[in-house]
PDB file of N, CA and C in Angstrom:
ATOM      1  N   ARG A   1     274.965   1.492 -10.594  1.00  0.00           N
ATOM      2  CA  ARG A   1     276.181   1.221  -9.860  1.00  0.00           C
ATOM      3  C   ARG A   1     276.960   2.512  -9.661  1.00  0.00           C
ATOM      4  N   ILE A   2     277.091   3.280 -10.719  1.00  0.00           N
ATOM      5  CA  ILE A   2     277.854   4.524 -10.649  1.00  0.00           C
ATOM      6  C   ILE A   2     277.117   5.551  -9.792  1.00  0.00           C
ATOM      7  N   GLU A   3     275.793   5.616  -9.940  1.00  0.00           N
ATOM      8  CA  GLU A   3     275.016   6.590  -9.174  1.00  0.00           C
ATOM      9  C   GLU A   3     275.107   6.338  -7.677  1.00  0.00           C
ATOM     10  N   MET A   4     275.197   5.103  -7.257  1.00  0.00           N
ATOM     11  CA  MET A   4     275.236   4.763  -5.836  1.00  0.00           C
ATOM     12  C   MET A   4     276.605   5.035  -5.221  1.00  0.00           C
ATOM     13  N   ARG A   5     277.641   5.091  -6.041  1.00  0.00           N
ATOM     14  CA  ARG A   5     278.999   5.338  -5.536  1.00  0.00           C
ATOM     15  C   ARG A   5     279.068   6.672  -4.786  1.00  0.00           C
ATOM     16  N   HIS A   6     278.313   7.653  -5.245  1.00  0.00           N
ATOM     17  CA  HIS A   6     278.274   8.979  -4.606  1.00  0.00           C
ATOM     18  C   HIS A   6     277.825   8.872  -3.142  1.00  0.00           C
ATOM     19  N   PHE A   7     276.987   7.874  -2.839  1.00  0.00           N
ATOM     20  CA  PHE A   7     276.468   7.695  -1.483  1.00  0.00           C
ATOM     21  C   PHE A   7     277.292   6.701  -0.659  1.00  0.00           C
ATOM     22  N   GLY A   8     278.432   6.267  -1.197  1.00  0.00           N
ATOM     23  CA  GLY A   8     279.291   5.329  -0.486  1.00  0.00           C
ATOM     24  C   GLY A   8     278.806   3.889  -0.553  1.00  0.00           C
ATOM     25  N   VAL A   9     277.929   3.599  -1.491  1.00  0.00           N
ATOM     26  CA  VAL A   9     277.386   2.241  -1.638  1.00  0.00           C
ATOM     27  C   VAL A   9     278.090   1.562  -2.811  1.00  0.00           C
ATOM     28  N   LYS A  10     278.675   0.408  -2.536  1.00  0.00           N
ATOM     29  CA  LYS A  10     279.349  -0.349  -3.589  1.00  0.00           C
ATOM     30  C   LYS A  10     278.355  -1.371  -4.138  1.00  0.00           C
ATOM     31  N   VAL A  11     278.174  -1.379  -5.440  1.00  0.00           N
ATOM     32  CA  VAL A  11     277.210  -2.259  -6.089  1.00  0.00           C
ATOM     33  C   VAL A  11     277.950  -3.228  -6.996  1.00  0.00           C
ATOM     34  N   SER A  12     277.586  -4.494  -6.900  1.00  0.00           N
ATOM     35  CA  SER A  12     278.110  -5.516  -7.801  1.00  0.00           C
ATOM     36  C   SER A  12     276.991  -5.951  -8.731  1.00  0.00           C
ATOM     37  N   THR A  13     277.331  -6.144  -9.988  1.00  0.00           N
ATOM     38  CA  THR A  13     276.360  -6.591 -10.980  1.00  0.00           C
ATOM     39  C   THR A  13     276.553  -8.080 -11.206  1.00  0.00           C
ATOM     40  N   ILE A  14     275.485  -8.842 -11.082  1.00  0.00           N
ATOM     41  CA  ILE A  14     275.533 -10.283 -11.346  1.00  0.00           C
ATOM     42  C   ILE A  14     274.822 -10.509 -12.676  1.00  0.00           C
ATOM     43  N   GLU A  15     275.567 -11.055 -13.634  1.00  0.00           N
ATOM     44  CA  GLU A  15     275.056 -11.272 -14.981  1.00  0.00           C
ATOM     45  C   GLU A  15     274.933 -12.774 -15.240  1.00  0.00           C
ATOM     46  N   PRO A  16     273.773 -13.346 -14.912  1.00  0.00           N
ATOM     47  CA  PRO A  16     273.608 -14.786 -15.121  1.00  0.00           C
ATOM     48  C   PRO A  16     273.309 -15.107 -16.573  1.00  0.00           C
ATOM     49  N   GLY A  17     273.680 -16.305 -16.966  1.00  0.00           N
ATOM     50  CA  GLY A  17     273.313 -16.797 -18.286  1.00  0.00           C
ATOM     51  C   GLY A  17     271.909 -17.375 -18.220  1.00  0.00           C
ATOM     52  N   TYR A  18     271.649 -18.380 -19.035  1.00  0.00           N
ATOM     53  CA  TYR A  18     270.337 -19.014 -19.051  1.00  0.00           C
ATOM     54  C   TYR A  18     270.301 -20.136 -18.022  1.00  0.00           C
ATOM     55  N   PHE A  19     269.387 -19.996 -17.071  1.00  0.00           N
ATOM     56  CA  PHE A  19     269.205 -21.010 -16.043  1.00  0.00           C
ATOM     57  C   PHE A  19     267.765 -21.476 -16.032  1.00  0.00           C
ATOM     58  N   LYS A  20     267.573 -22.712 -15.642  1.00  0.00           N
ATOM     59  CA  LYS A  20     266.235 -23.302 -15.619  1.00  0.00           C
ATOM     60  C   LYS A  20     265.486 -22.786 -14.396  1.00  0.00           C
ATOM     61  N   THR A  21     264.532 -21.878 -14.659  1.00  0.00           N
ATOM     62  CA  THR A  21     263.689 -21.310 -13.605  1.00  0.00           C
ATOM     63  C   THR A  21     262.265 -21.209 -14.149  1.00  0.00           C
ATOM     64  N   LEU A  22     261.348 -20.718 -13.341  1.00  0.00           N
ATOM     65  CA  LEU A  22     259.983 -20.523 -13.824  1.00  0.00           C
ATOM     66  C   LEU A  22     259.929 -19.473 -14.935  1.00  0.00           C
ATOM     67  N   ILE A  23     260.848 -18.522 -14.902  1.00  0.00           N
ATOM     68  CA  ILE A  23     260.878 -17.489 -15.946  1.00  0.00           C
ATOM     69  C   ILE A  23     261.238 -18.099 -17.296  1.00  0.00           C
ATOM     70  N   THR A  24     262.109 -19.096 -17.302  1.00  0.00           N
ATOM     71  CA  THR A  24     262.534 -19.717 -18.558  1.00  0.00           C
ATOM     72  C   THR A  24     261.750 -20.977 -18.887  1.00  0.00           C
ATOM     73  N   SER A  25     260.687 -21.237 -18.156  1.00  0.00           N
ATOM     74  CA  SER A  25     259.850 -22.410 -18.413  1.00  0.00           C
ATOM     75  C   SER A  25     259.180 -22.282 -19.780  1.00  0.00           C
ATOM     76  N   VAL A  26     259.454 -23.232 -20.661  1.00  0.00           N
ATOM     77  CA  VAL A  26     258.902 -23.190 -22.014  1.00  0.00           C
ATOM     78  C   VAL A  26     257.375 -23.192 -21.977  1.00  0.00           C
ATOM     79  N   GLY A  27     256.803 -23.943 -21.080  1.00  0.00           N
ATOM     80  CA  GLY A  27     255.339 -23.996 -20.971  1.00  0.00           C
ATOM     81  C   GLY A  27     254.747 -22.619 -20.684  1.00  0.00           C
ATOM     82  N   ASN A  28     255.327 -21.897 -19.733  1.00  0.00           N
ATOM     83  CA  ASN A  28     254.833 -20.561 -19.377  1.00  0.00           C
ATOM     84  C   ASN A  28     255.034 -19.564 -20.510  1.00  0.00           C
ATOM     85  N   ILE A  29     256.220 -19.573 -21.109  1.00  0.00           N
ATOM     86  CA  ILE A  29     256.521 -18.629 -22.190  1.00  0.00           C
ATOM     87  C   ILE A  29     255.633 -18.904 -23.398  1.00  0.00           C
ATOM     88  N   GLU A  30     255.507 -20.177 -23.747  1.00  0.00           N
ATOM     89  CA  GLU A  30     254.695 -20.551 -24.910  1.00  0.00           C
ATOM     90  C   GLU A  30     253.231 -20.154 -24.697  1.00  0.00           C
ATOM     91  N   LYS A  31     252.721 -20.430 -23.522  1.00  0.00           N
ATOM     92  CA  LYS A  31     251.326 -20.085 -23.209  1.00  0.00           C
ATOM     93  C   LYS A  31     251.110 -18.577 -23.324  1.00  0.00           C
ATOM     94  N   SER A  32     252.029 -17.799 -22.759  1.00  0.00           N
ATOM     95  CA  SER A  32     251.932 -16.339 -22.810  1.00  0.00           C
ATOM     96  C   SER A  32     252.045 -15.823 -24.237  1.00  0.00           C
ATOM     97  N   PHE A  33     252.997 -16.342 -24.987  1.00  0.00           N
ATOM     98  CA  PHE A  33     253.204 -15.905 -26.362  1.00  0.00           C
ATOM     99  C   PHE A  33     252.004 -16.233 -27.233  1.00  0.00           C
ATOM    100  N   LEU A  34     251.466 -17.450 -27.095  1.00  0.00           N
ATOM    101  CA  LEU A  34     250.306 -17.836 -27.900  1.00  0.00           C
ATOM    102  C   LEU A  34     249.079 -17.002 -27.543  1.00  0.00           C
ATOM    103  N   SER A  35     248.955 -16.655 -26.274  1.00  0.00           N
ATOM    104  CA  SER A  35     247.850 -15.800 -25.846  1.00  0.00           C
ATOM    105  C   SER A  35     247.941 -14.432 -26.522  1.00  0.00           C
ATOM    106  N   ILE A  36     249.128 -13.869 -26.553  1.00  0.00           N
ATOM    107  CA  ILE A  36     249.336 -12.579 -27.221  1.00  0.00           C
ATOM    108  C   ILE A  36     249.114 -12.717 -28.726  1.00  0.00           C
ATOM    109  N   TRP A  37     249.627 -13.806 -29.303  1.00  0.00           N
ATOM    110  CA  TRP A  37     249.489 -14.055 -30.742  1.00  0.00           C
ATOM    111  C   TRP A  37     248.018 -14.100 -31.150  1.00  0.00           C
ATOM    112  N   GLU A  38     247.196 -14.758 -30.352  1.00  0.00           N
ATOM    113  CA  GLU A  38     245.766 -14.870 -30.665  1.00  0.00           C
ATOM    114  C   GLU A  38     245.060 -13.519 -30.635  1.00  0.00           C
ATOM    115  N   LYS A  39     245.561 -12.587 -29.846  1.00  0.00           N
ATOM    116  CA  LYS A  39     244.937 -11.263 -29.725  1.00  0.00           C
ATOM    117  C   LYS A  39     245.390 -10.290 -30.815  1.00  0.00           C
ATOM    118  N   LEU A  40     246.398 -10.666 -31.577  1.00  0.00           N
ATOM    119  CA  LEU A  40     246.899  -9.788 -32.631  1.00  0.00           C
ATOM    120  C   LEU A  40     245.889  -9.659 -33.768  1.00  0.00           C
ATOM    121  N   PRO A  41     245.855  -8.502 -34.398  1.00  0.00           N
ATOM    122  CA  PRO A  41     245.004  -8.348 -35.582  1.00  0.00           C
ATOM    123  C   PRO A  41     245.490  -9.274 -36.702  1.00  0.00           C
ATOM    124  N   ALA A  42     244.569  -9.681 -37.556  1.00  0.00           N
ATOM    125  CA  ALA A  42     244.900 -10.595 -38.659  1.00  0.00           C
ATOM    126  C   ALA A  42     245.995 -10.012 -39.547  1.00  0.00           C
ATOM    127  N   GLU A  43     245.988  -8.713 -39.729  1.00  0.00           N
ATOM    128  CA  GLU A  43     246.991  -8.070 -40.574  1.00  0.00           C
ATOM    129  C   GLU A  43     248.403  -8.240 -39.987  1.00  0.00           C
ATOM    130  N   THR A  44     248.517  -8.099 -38.671  1.00  0.00           N
ATOM    131  CA  THR A  44     249.814  -8.263 -38.011  1.00  0.00           C
ATOM    132  C   THR A  44     250.276  -9.710 -38.102  1.00  0.00           C
ATOM    133  N   LYS A  45     249.353 -10.636 -37.863  1.00  0.00           N
ATOM    134  CA  LYS A  45     249.697 -12.063 -37.985  1.00  0.00           C
ATOM    135  C   LYS A  45     250.177 -12.379 -39.393  1.00  0.00           C
ATOM    136  N   ALA A  46     249.501 -11.799 -40.387  1.00  0.00           N
ATOM    137  CA  ALA A  46     249.885 -12.038 -41.780  1.00  0.00           C
ATOM    138  C   ALA A  46     251.267 -11.459 -42.069  1.00  0.00           C
ATOM    139  N   SER A  47     251.578 -10.304 -41.464  1.00  0.00           N
ATOM    140  CA  SER A  47     252.894  -9.687 -41.676  1.00  0.00           C
ATOM    141  C   SER A  47     254.011 -10.592 -41.170  1.00  0.00           C
ATOM    142  N   TYR A  48     253.799 -11.157 -39.987  1.00  0.00           N
ATOM    143  CA  TYR A  48     254.810 -12.056 -39.420  1.00  0.00           C
ATOM    144  C   TYR A  48     254.739 -13.430 -40.065  1.00  0.00           C
ATOM    145  N   GLY A  49     253.555 -13.929 -40.268  1.00  0.00           N
ATOM    146  CA  GLY A  49     253.355 -15.224 -40.895  1.00  0.00           C
ATOM    147  C   GLY A  49     253.393 -16.372 -39.901  1.00  0.00           C
ATOM    148  N   GLN A  50     252.763 -17.448 -40.282  1.00  0.00           N
ATOM    149  CA  GLN A  50     252.706 -18.653 -39.445  1.00  0.00           C
ATOM    150  C   GLN A  50     254.094 -19.256 -39.263  1.00  0.00           C
ATOM    151  N   ASN A  51     254.941 -19.069 -40.273  1.00  0.00           N
ATOM    152  CA  ASN A  51     256.301 -19.592 -40.210  1.00  0.00           C
ATOM    153  C   ASN A  51     257.079 -18.955 -39.053  1.00  0.00           C
ATOM    154  N   TYR A  52     256.858 -17.662 -38.828  1.00  0.00           N
ATOM    155  CA  TYR A  52     257.511 -16.959 -37.719  1.00  0.00           C
ATOM    156  C   TYR A  52     257.123 -17.599 -36.393  1.00  0.00           C
ATOM    157  N   LEU A  53     255.834 -17.845 -36.228  1.00  0.00           N
ATOM    158  CA  LEU A  53     255.345 -18.459 -34.989  1.00  0.00           C
ATOM    159  C   LEU A  53     255.988 -19.822 -34.785  1.00  0.00           C
ATOM    160  N   ASN A  54     255.995 -20.633 -35.832  1.00  0.00           N
ATOM    161  CA  ASN A  54     256.571 -21.982 -35.721  1.00  0.00           C
ATOM    162  C   ASN A  54     258.057 -21.943 -35.392  1.00  0.00           C
ATOM    163  N   GLU A  55     258.801 -21.055 -36.052  1.00  0.00           N
ATOM    164  CA  GLU A  55     260.243 -20.934 -35.793  1.00  0.00           C
ATOM    165  C   GLU A  55     260.519 -20.441 -34.379  1.00  0.00           C
ATOM    166  N   PHE A  56     259.680 -19.516 -33.903  1.00  0.00           N
ATOM    167  CA  PHE A  56     259.846 -19.027 -32.541  1.00  0.00           C
ATOM    168  C   PHE A  56     259.654 -20.161 -31.539  1.00  0.00           C
ATOM    169  N   LEU A  57     258.627 -20.961 -31.724  1.00  0.00           N
ATOM    170  CA  LEU A  57     258.357 -22.062 -30.793  1.00  0.00           C
ATOM    171  C   LEU A  57     259.476 -23.102 -30.823  1.00  0.00           C
ATOM    172  N   VAL A  58     260.034 -23.362 -31.989  1.00  0.00           N
ATOM    173  CA  VAL A  58     261.154 -24.302 -32.106  1.00  0.00           C
ATOM    174  C   VAL A  58     262.381 -23.747 -31.373  1.00  0.00           C
ATOM    175  N   SER A  59     262.675 -22.448 -31.575  1.00  0.00           N
ATOM    176  CA  SER A  59     263.840 -21.850 -30.907  1.00  0.00           C
ATOM    177  C   SER A  59     263.632 -21.793 -29.399  1.00  0.00           C
ATOM    178  N   LEU A  60     262.404 -21.638 -28.967  1.00  0.00           N
ATOM    179  CA  LEU A  60     262.080 -21.628 -27.544  1.00  0.00           C
ATOM    180  C   LEU A  60     262.415 -22.979 -26.916  1.00  0.00           C
ATOM    181  N   ARG A  61     262.054 -24.050 -27.588  1.00  0.00           N
ATOM    182  CA  ARG A  61     262.351 -25.400 -27.075  1.00  0.00           C
ATOM    183  C   ARG A  61     263.852 -25.677 -27.091  1.00  0.00           C
ATOM    184  N   ARG A  62     264.541 -25.135 -28.101  1.00  0.00           N
ATOM    185  CA  ARG A  62     265.991 -25.276 -28.178  1.00  0.00           C
ATOM    186  C   ARG A  62     266.656 -24.541 -27.019  1.00  0.00           C
ATOM    187  N   MET A  63     266.131 -23.355 -26.692  1.00  0.00           N
ATOM    188  CA  MET A  63     266.676 -22.558 -25.603  1.00  0.00           C
ATOM    189  C   MET A  63     266.549 -23.304 -24.274  1.00  0.00           C
ATOM    190  N   GLU A  64     265.427 -24.007 -24.096  1.00  0.00           N
ATOM    191  CA  GLU A  64     265.221 -24.722 -22.837  1.00  0.00           C
ATOM    192  C   GLU A  64     266.304 -25.772 -22.620  1.00  0.00           C
ATOM    193  N   LYS A  65     266.744 -26.401 -23.685  1.00  0.00           N
ATOM    194  CA  LYS A  65     267.797 -27.417 -23.570  1.00  0.00           C
ATOM    195  C   LYS A  65     269.128 -26.802 -23.137  1.00  0.00           C
ATOM    196  N   ALA A  66     269.331 -25.524 -23.468  1.00  0.00           N
ATOM    197  CA  ALA A  66     270.575 -24.845 -23.115  1.00  0.00           C
ATOM    198  C   ALA A  66     270.558 -24.299 -21.696  1.00  0.00           C
ATOM    199  N   CYS A  67     269.394 -24.280 -21.053  1.00  0.00           N
ATOM    200  CA  CYS A  67     269.282 -23.736 -19.697  1.00  0.00           C
ATOM    201  C   CYS A  67     269.989 -24.638 -18.693  1.00  0.00           C
ATOM    202  N   ASN A  68     270.786 -24.036 -17.859  1.00  0.00           N
ATOM    203  CA  ASN A  68     271.543 -24.752 -16.839  1.00  0.00           C
ATOM    204  C   ASN A  68     270.659 -24.961 -15.602  1.00  0.00           C
ATOM    205  N   PRO A  69     270.510 -26.191 -15.132  1.00  0.00           N
ATOM    206  CA  PRO A  69     269.688 -26.420 -13.948  1.00  0.00           C
ATOM    207  C   PRO A  69     270.402 -26.097 -12.630  1.00  0.00           C
ATOM    208  N   ASN A  70     271.710 -25.855 -12.682  1.00  0.00           N
ATOM    209  CA  ASN A  70     272.497 -25.626 -11.479  1.00  0.00           C
ATOM    210  C   ASN A  70     272.461 -24.159 -11.049  1.00  0.00           C
ATOM    211  N   LEU A  71     271.453 -23.780 -10.272  1.00  0.00           N
ATOM    212  CA  LEU A  71     271.307 -22.398  -9.815  1.00  0.00           C
ATOM    213  C   LEU A  71     272.366 -22.013  -8.786  1.00  0.00           C
ATOM    214  N   ARG A  72     273.082 -22.991  -8.306  1.00  0.00           N
ATOM    215  CA  ARG A  72     274.135 -22.735  -7.325  1.00  0.00           C
ATOM    216  C   ARG A  72     275.202 -21.786  -7.885  1.00  0.00           C
ATOM    217  N   LEU A  73     275.407 -21.836  -9.182  1.00  0.00           N
ATOM    218  CA  LEU A  73     276.385 -20.935  -9.805  1.00  0.00           C
ATOM    219  C   LEU A  73     276.006 -19.474  -9.575  1.00  0.00           C
ATOM    220  N   VAL A  74     274.721 -19.186  -9.616  1.00  0.00           N
ATOM    221  CA  VAL A  74     274.251 -17.812  -9.397  1.00  0.00           C
ATOM    222  C   VAL A  74     274.308 -17.455  -7.920  1.00  0.00           C
ATOM    223  N   THR A  75     273.832 -18.353  -7.073  1.00  0.00           N
ATOM    224  CA  THR A  75     273.822 -18.051  -5.640  1.00  0.00           C
ATOM    225  C   THR A  75     275.235 -17.953  -5.070  1.00  0.00           C
ATOM    226  N   ASP A  76     276.182 -18.686  -5.637  1.00  0.00           N
ATOM    227  CA  ASP A  76     277.578 -18.555  -5.205  1.00  0.00           C
ATOM    228  C   ASP A  76     278.114 -17.155  -5.535  1.00  0.00           C
ATOM    229  N   CYS A  77     277.742 -16.627  -6.699  1.00  0.00           N
ATOM    230  CA  CYS A  77     278.143 -15.257  -7.046  1.00  0.00           C
ATOM    231  C   CYS A  77     277.529 -14.264  -6.063  1.00  0.00           C
ATOM    232  N   MET A  78     276.262 -14.467  -5.732  1.00  0.00           N
ATOM    233  CA  MET A  78     275.591 -13.582  -4.780  1.00  0.00           C
ATOM    234  C   MET A  78     276.282 -13.623  -3.421  1.00  0.00           C
ATOM    235  N   GLU A  79     276.581 -14.842  -2.976  1.00  0.00           N
ATOM    236  CA  GLU A  79     277.237 -14.998  -1.678  1.00  0.00           C
ATOM    237  C   GLU A  79     278.590 -14.291  -1.664  1.00  0.00           C
ATOM    238  N   HIS A  80     279.361 -14.470  -2.715  1.00  0.00           N
ATOM    239  CA  HIS A  80     280.681 -13.847  -2.786  1.00  0.00           C
ATOM    240  C   HIS A  80     280.552 -12.328  -2.771  1.00  0.00           C
ATOM    241  N   ALA A  81     279.618 -11.791  -3.558  1.00  0.00           N
ATOM    242  CA  ALA A  81     279.437 -10.336  -3.631  1.00  0.00           C
ATOM    243  C   ALA A  81     279.018  -9.754  -2.284  1.00  0.00           C
ATOM    244  N   LEU A  82     278.240 -10.519  -1.516  1.00  0.00           N
ATOM    245  CA  LEU A  82     277.745 -10.015  -0.235  1.00  0.00           C
ATOM    246  C   LEU A  82     278.727 -10.176   0.918  1.00  0.00           C
ATOM    247  N   THR A  83     279.588 -11.199   0.847  1.00  0.00           N
ATOM    248  CA  THR A  83     280.440 -11.504   1.993  1.00  0.00           C
ATOM    249  C   THR A  83     281.914 -11.176   1.783  1.00  0.00           C
ATOM    250  N   CYS A  84     282.323 -10.939   0.572  1.00  0.00           N
ATOM    251  CA  CYS A  84     283.732 -10.668   0.268  1.00  0.00           C
ATOM    252  C   CYS A  84     284.109  -9.257   0.722  1.00  0.00           C
ATOM    253  N   ARG A  85     285.314  -9.115   1.219  1.00  0.00           N
ATOM    254  CA  ARG A  85     285.791  -7.805   1.654  1.00  0.00           C
ATOM    255  C   ARG A  85     285.897  -6.834   0.473  1.00  0.00           C
ATOM    256  N   HIS A  86     286.359  -7.329  -0.659  1.00  0.00           N
ATOM    257  CA  HIS A  86     286.481  -6.507  -1.870  1.00  0.00           C
ATOM    258  C   HIS A  86     285.757  -7.222  -3.026  1.00  0.00           C
ATOM    259  N   PRO A  87     284.441  -7.076  -3.088  1.00  0.00           N
ATOM    260  CA  PRO A  87     283.704  -7.763  -4.156  1.00  0.00           C
ATOM    261  C   PRO A  87     284.021  -7.184  -5.534  1.00  0.00           C
ATOM    262  N   ARG A  88     283.873  -8.014  -6.535  1.00  0.00           N
ATOM    263  CA  ARG A  88     284.106  -7.566  -7.908  1.00  0.00           C
ATOM    264  C   ARG A  88     282.958  -6.671  -8.354  1.00  0.00           C
ATOM    265  N   ALA A  89     283.195  -5.894  -9.383  1.00  0.00           N
ATOM    266  CA  ALA A  89     282.148  -5.034  -9.942  1.00  0.00           C
ATOM    267  C   ALA A  89     281.143  -5.872 -10.719  1.00  0.00           C
ATOM    268  N   ARG A  90     281.632  -6.938 -11.359  1.00  0.00           N
ATOM    269  CA  ARG A  90     280.753  -7.785 -12.179  1.00  0.00           C
ATOM    270  C   ARG A  90     281.029  -9.255 -11.909  1.00  0.00           C
ATOM    271  N   TYR A  91     279.939 -10.013 -11.902  1.00  0.00           N
ATOM    272  CA  TYR A  91     280.012 -11.468 -11.791  1.00  0.00           C
ATOM    273  C   TYR A  91     279.231 -12.062 -12.955  1.00  0.00           C
ATOM    274  N   SER A  92     279.778 -13.072 -13.595  1.00  0.00           N
ATOM    275  CA  SER A  92     279.081 -13.782 -14.664  1.00  0.00           C
ATOM    276  C   SER A  92     278.881 -15.220 -14.215  1.00  0.00           C
ATOM    277  N   ALA A  93     277.632 -15.634 -14.165  1.00  0.00           N
ATOM    278  CA  ALA A  93     277.307 -16.996 -13.725  1.00  0.00           C
ATOM    279  C   ALA A  93     276.884 -17.836 -14.920  1.00  0.00           C
ATOM    280  N   GLY A  94     277.587 -18.930 -15.141  1.00  0.00           N
ATOM    281  CA  GLY A  94     277.261 -19.834 -16.247  1.00  0.00           C
ATOM    282  C   GLY A  94     278.189 -19.603 -17.428  1.00  0.00           C
ATOM    283  N   TRP A  95     278.413 -20.662 -18.204  1.00  0.00           N
ATOM    284  CA  TRP A  95     279.342 -20.578 -19.332  1.00  0.00           C
ATOM    285  C   TRP A  95     278.847 -19.599 -20.395  1.00  0.00           C
ATOM    286  N   ASP A  96     277.534 -19.545 -20.601  1.00  0.00           N
ATOM    287  CA  ASP A  96     277.013 -18.662 -21.635  1.00  0.00           C
ATOM    288  C   ASP A  96     277.186 -17.192 -21.255  1.00  0.00           C
ATOM    289  N   ALA A  97     277.037 -16.876 -19.987  1.00  0.00           N
ATOM    290  CA  ALA A  97     277.256 -15.500 -19.535  1.00  0.00           C
ATOM    291  C   ALA A  97     278.724 -15.123 -19.692  1.00  0.00           C
ATOM    292  N   LYS A  98     279.600 -16.064 -19.391  1.00  0.00           N
ATOM    293  CA  LYS A  98     281.028 -15.801 -19.546  1.00  0.00           C
ATOM    294  C   LYS A  98     281.369 -15.569 -21.015  1.00  0.00           C
ATOM    295  N   LEU A  99     280.733 -16.311 -21.879  1.00  0.00           N
ATOM    296  CA  LEU A  99     280.975 -16.164 -23.313  1.00  0.00           C
ATOM    297  C   LEU A  99     280.470 -14.809 -23.809  1.00  0.00           C
ATOM    298  N   LEU A 100     279.315 -14.375 -23.310  1.00  0.00           N
ATOM    299  CA  LEU A 100     278.744 -13.099 -23.748  1.00  0.00           C
ATOM    300  C   LEU A 100     279.462 -11.901 -23.141  1.00  0.00           C
ATOM    301  N   TYR A 101     279.837 -12.018 -21.880  1.00  0.00           N
ATOM    302  CA  TYR A 101     280.389 -10.862 -21.174  1.00  0.00           C
ATOM    303  C   TYR A 101     281.908 -10.887 -21.068  1.00  0.00           C
ATOM    304  N   ILE A 102     282.547 -11.872 -21.672  1.00  0.00           N
ATOM    305  CA  ILE A 102     284.000 -11.985 -21.513  1.00  0.00           C
ATOM    306  C   ILE A 102     284.757 -10.763 -22.033  1.00  0.00           C
ATOM    307  N   PRO A 103     284.348 -10.140 -23.144  1.00  0.00           N
ATOM    308  CA  PRO A 103     285.097  -8.937 -23.550  1.00  0.00           C
ATOM    309  C   PRO A 103     285.051  -7.846 -22.480  1.00  0.00           C
ATOM    310  N   LEU A 104     283.892  -7.680 -21.851  1.00  0.00           N
ATOM    311  CA  LEU A 104     283.780  -6.663 -20.797  1.00  0.00           C
ATOM    312  C   LEU A 104     284.602  -7.033 -19.568  1.00  0.00           C
ATOM    313  N   SER A 105     284.715  -8.315 -19.293  1.00  0.00           N
ATOM    314  CA  SER A 105     285.403  -8.734 -18.074  1.00  0.00           C
ATOM    315  C   SER A 105     286.905  -8.442 -18.125  1.00  0.00           C
ATOM    316  N   TYR A 106     287.465  -8.291 -19.319  1.00  0.00           N
ATOM    317  CA  TYR A 106     288.887  -7.999 -19.430  1.00  0.00           C
ATOM    318  C   TYR A 106     289.194  -6.511 -19.308  1.00  0.00           C
ATOM    319  N   LEU A 107     288.174  -5.696 -19.451  1.00  0.00           N
ATOM    320  CA  LEU A 107     288.372  -4.250 -19.361  1.00  0.00           C
ATOM    321  C   LEU A 107     288.212  -3.782 -17.921  1.00  0.00           C
ATOM    322  N   PRO A 108     288.871  -2.720 -17.543  1.00  0.00           N
ATOM    323  CA  PRO A 108     288.675  -2.172 -16.204  1.00  0.00           C
ATOM    324  C   PRO A 108     287.224  -1.699 -16.030  1.00  0.00           C
ATOM    325  N   SER A 109     286.684  -1.848 -14.847  1.00  0.00           N
ATOM    326  CA  SER A 109     285.298  -1.467 -14.592  1.00  0.00           C
ATOM    327  C   SER A 109     285.037  -0.006 -14.929  1.00  0.00           C
ATOM    328  N   ALA A 110     285.993   0.853 -14.656  1.00  0.00           N
ATOM    329  CA  ALA A 110     285.821   2.271 -14.954  1.00  0.00           C
ATOM    330  C   ALA A 110     285.602   2.479 -16.457  1.00  0.00           C
ATOM    331  N   LEU A 111     286.306   1.716 -17.271  1.00  0.00           N
ATOM    332  CA  LEU A 111     286.157   1.839 -18.728  1.00  0.00           C
ATOM    333  C   LEU A 111     284.825   1.277 -19.206  1.00  0.00           C
ATOM    334  N   THR A 112     284.426   0.126 -18.676  1.00  0.00           N
ATOM    335  CA  THR A 112     283.131  -0.449 -19.066  1.00  0.00           C
ATOM    336  C   THR A 112     281.982   0.431 -18.605  1.00  0.00           C
ATOM    337  N   ASP A 113     282.123   1.090 -17.459  1.00  0.00           N
ATOM    338  CA  ASP A 113     281.101   2.024 -16.998  1.00  0.00           C
ATOM    339  C   ASP A 113     280.970   3.185 -17.970  1.00  0.00           C
ATOM    340  N   LEU A 114     282.108   3.649 -18.466  1.00  0.00           N
ATOM    341  CA  LEU A 114     282.106   4.742 -19.411  1.00  0.00           C
ATOM    342  C   LEU A 114     281.441   4.331 -20.722  1.00  0.00           C
ATOM    343  N   LEU A 115     281.737   3.117 -21.176  1.00  0.00           N
ATOM    344  CA  LEU A 115     281.128   2.607 -22.417  1.00  0.00           C
ATOM    345  C   LEU A 115     279.640   2.450 -22.242  1.00  0.00           C
TER     346      LEU A 115
END
């Protein structure tokens, strides 16, 4: 964002929370993770343990329940950033993104860029 300012390009950052998409599909993530797990050396598997695998899969299913199916929240931010005369530097889509990024949202963009 800062690098593009030199060229007269204004960039807005859209920070979405967890939304239900193919990227957050538990089936896809689980399949990929288990595929990688099977390829690990026995020593690495032993270091992490079967309990780690089980806990990861449980947390993955829990995460899916927290995913918001309303993608309109993200596309509305995109629309505003593209069509607004003075777009904001940052957009947070979803309650979880607002919760995570709320401290940054109260600070001036120049200060958050510096941080």
